[in-house]
Protein backbone atom coordinates (compact mmCIF):
# COMPACT_ATOMS: atom_id res chain seq x y z
CA MET A 1 -3.22 -15.25 6.49
CA HIS A 2 -3.21 -15.32 2.90
CA PHE A 3 -2.00 -12.87 0.24
CA ARG A 4 -3.33 -11.46 -3.09
CA SER A 5 -1.98 -9.17 -5.53
CA GLY A 6 -3.69 -6.65 -7.23
CA TRP A 7 -5.81 -3.39 -6.34
CA HIS A 8 -8.47 -2.90 -9.13
CA ASP A 9 -11.87 -2.16 -7.28
CA ARG A 10 -10.26 -2.12 -3.91
CA GLU A 11 -8.68 1.54 -4.16
CA PRO A 12 -10.66 3.17 -0.78
CA GLU A 13 -10.04 -0.60 1.08
CA ILE A 14 -6.70 -0.16 0.99
CA THR A 15 -6.32 3.50 0.46
CA ALA A 16 -8.26 4.08 3.84
CA LEU A 17 -5.54 1.14 5.82
CA PHE A 18 -2.78 3.17 5.30
CA ARG A 19 -4.75 6.76 6.74
CA GLU A 20 -5.80 4.48 9.66
CA THR A 21 -2.77 2.45 10.53
CA PHE A 22 -0.27 5.95 10.27
CA THR A 23 -3.48 7.94 12.04
CA VAL A 24 -3.11 5.70 14.97
CA SER A 25 1.20 5.56 14.59
CA GLU A 26 2.24 9.19 13.51
CA GLY A 27 -0.36 11.77 14.01
CA ASP A 28 -3.93 12.82 12.28
CA ALA A 29 -1.33 14.73 9.55
CA GLU A 30 0.92 12.54 8.83
CA GLY A 31 -2.16 10.38 8.82
CA ARG A 32 -3.73 12.42 6.27
CA GLN A 33 -1.07 12.73 3.86
CA ILE A 34 0.06 9.23 3.27
CA GLY A 35 -3.76 8.69 2.47
CA ASP A 36 -3.73 11.71 0.11
CA PHE A 37 -0.47 9.83 -1.48
CA VAL A 38 -1.99 6.39 -1.27
CA GLU A 39 -4.97 7.69 -2.81
CA ALA A 40 -3.27 9.98 -5.32
CA LEU A 41 -0.99 6.82 -6.85
CA PHE A 42 -4.61 4.79 -7.39
CA THR A 43 -6.03 7.96 -9.53
CA THR A 44 -3.28 9.33 -10.87
CA THR A 45 -0.43 6.54 -11.72
CA PRO A 46 -0.54 4.31 -15.26
CA HIS A 47 -2.35 0.98 -14.29
CA ASP A 48 0.98 -0.86 -15.43
CA ASP A 49 3.00 0.87 -13.30
CA LEU A 50 1.93 0.20 -9.94
CA ARG A 51 1.75 -3.44 -7.96
CA VAL A 52 -0.13 -3.54 -4.69
CA PHE A 53 0.09 -6.55 -2.40
CA THR A 54 -2.46 -6.85 0.57
CA ALA A 55 -2.30 -9.92 3.49
CA HIS A 56 -6.17 -10.60 4.41
CA GLU A 57 -7.13 -12.62 8.30
CA GLY A 58 -10.14 -14.07 6.70
CA ASP A 59 -11.77 -10.90 5.01
CA VAL A 60 -10.11 -8.67 6.65
CA LEU A 61 -7.30 -6.35 5.55
CA SER A 62 -4.68 -6.94 7.54
CA GLY A 63 -1.62 -4.95 5.84
CA ALA A 64 -0.44 -3.94 1.87
CA ILE A 65 2.46 -2.84 -0.04
CA VAL A 66 2.62 -0.70 -2.95
CA PHE A 67 5.48 -0.36 -5.27
CA SER A 68 5.42 2.46 -8.32
CA ARG A 69 7.67 2.33 -11.08
CA MET A 70 10.73 4.60 -11.50
CA ARG A 71 11.43 5.33 -15.11
CA TYR A 72 13.66 6.67 -16.80
CA ASP A 73 14.15 7.41 -20.29
CA ALA A 74 17.96 7.02 -20.78
CA ASP A 75 17.72 3.27 -18.70
CA PRO A 76 14.59 0.39 -20.72
CA ARG A 77 15.16 -1.64 -17.38
CA ARG A 78 12.11 -1.96 -15.49
CA VAL A 79 12.28 -0.92 -11.73
CA PHE A 80 9.77 -0.16 -9.20
CA VAL A 81 10.05 1.42 -5.97
CA LEU A 82 8.98 0.07 -2.24
CA SER A 83 6.74 2.47 -1.31
CA PRO A 84 4.15 2.79 1.40
CA VAL A 85 3.89 -0.15 3.51
CA ALA A 86 1.63 0.14 5.93
CA VAL A 87 0.09 -3.27 8.67
CA ARG A 88 -3.17 -2.96 10.79
CA THR A 89 -2.04 -1.57 13.94
CA ASP A 90 -3.49 -4.58 16.21
CA VAL A 91 -1.42 -7.35 14.42
CA GLN A 92 2.11 -5.66 14.37
CA LYS A 93 4.69 -7.30 15.54
CA THR A 94 2.89 -10.97 14.58
CA GLY A 95 5.37 -11.79 11.55
CA ILE A 96 2.79 -10.67 9.27
CA GLY A 97 5.68 -9.42 6.51
CA ARG A 98 7.28 -12.80 6.59
CA GLY A 99 4.63 -14.41 4.79
C-alpha cells in the first residue's frame, strides 16, 4: 500500500471511488449524492482550499480522504474539515486507514 497527496488530473477516478463505494454501502441515491458532492468540491473549491490523500495497492485506487478549508473571517487560522472518506468495499476492514 502506498499513499499519495494531491488530486489534480485524478478527479474522475477519485469521484468514481466515492460514488461506487457509497452506492454499494448506502444505495443508488446516496452514491449519486456523495459523488456529486465530491465532484462539486473539485470544481467549485479553490485548489488551495482542498487537501486530498489517496491510498493505492499497485495502480488500483483503494481509498481517498478529502479535507476542505473552513473559513471564518474573524479568525486567521487555517482550519481544514475532514469529509468525505471512501475505501473500496472489497478492502474495507483490512487496516487501510491505519496506513
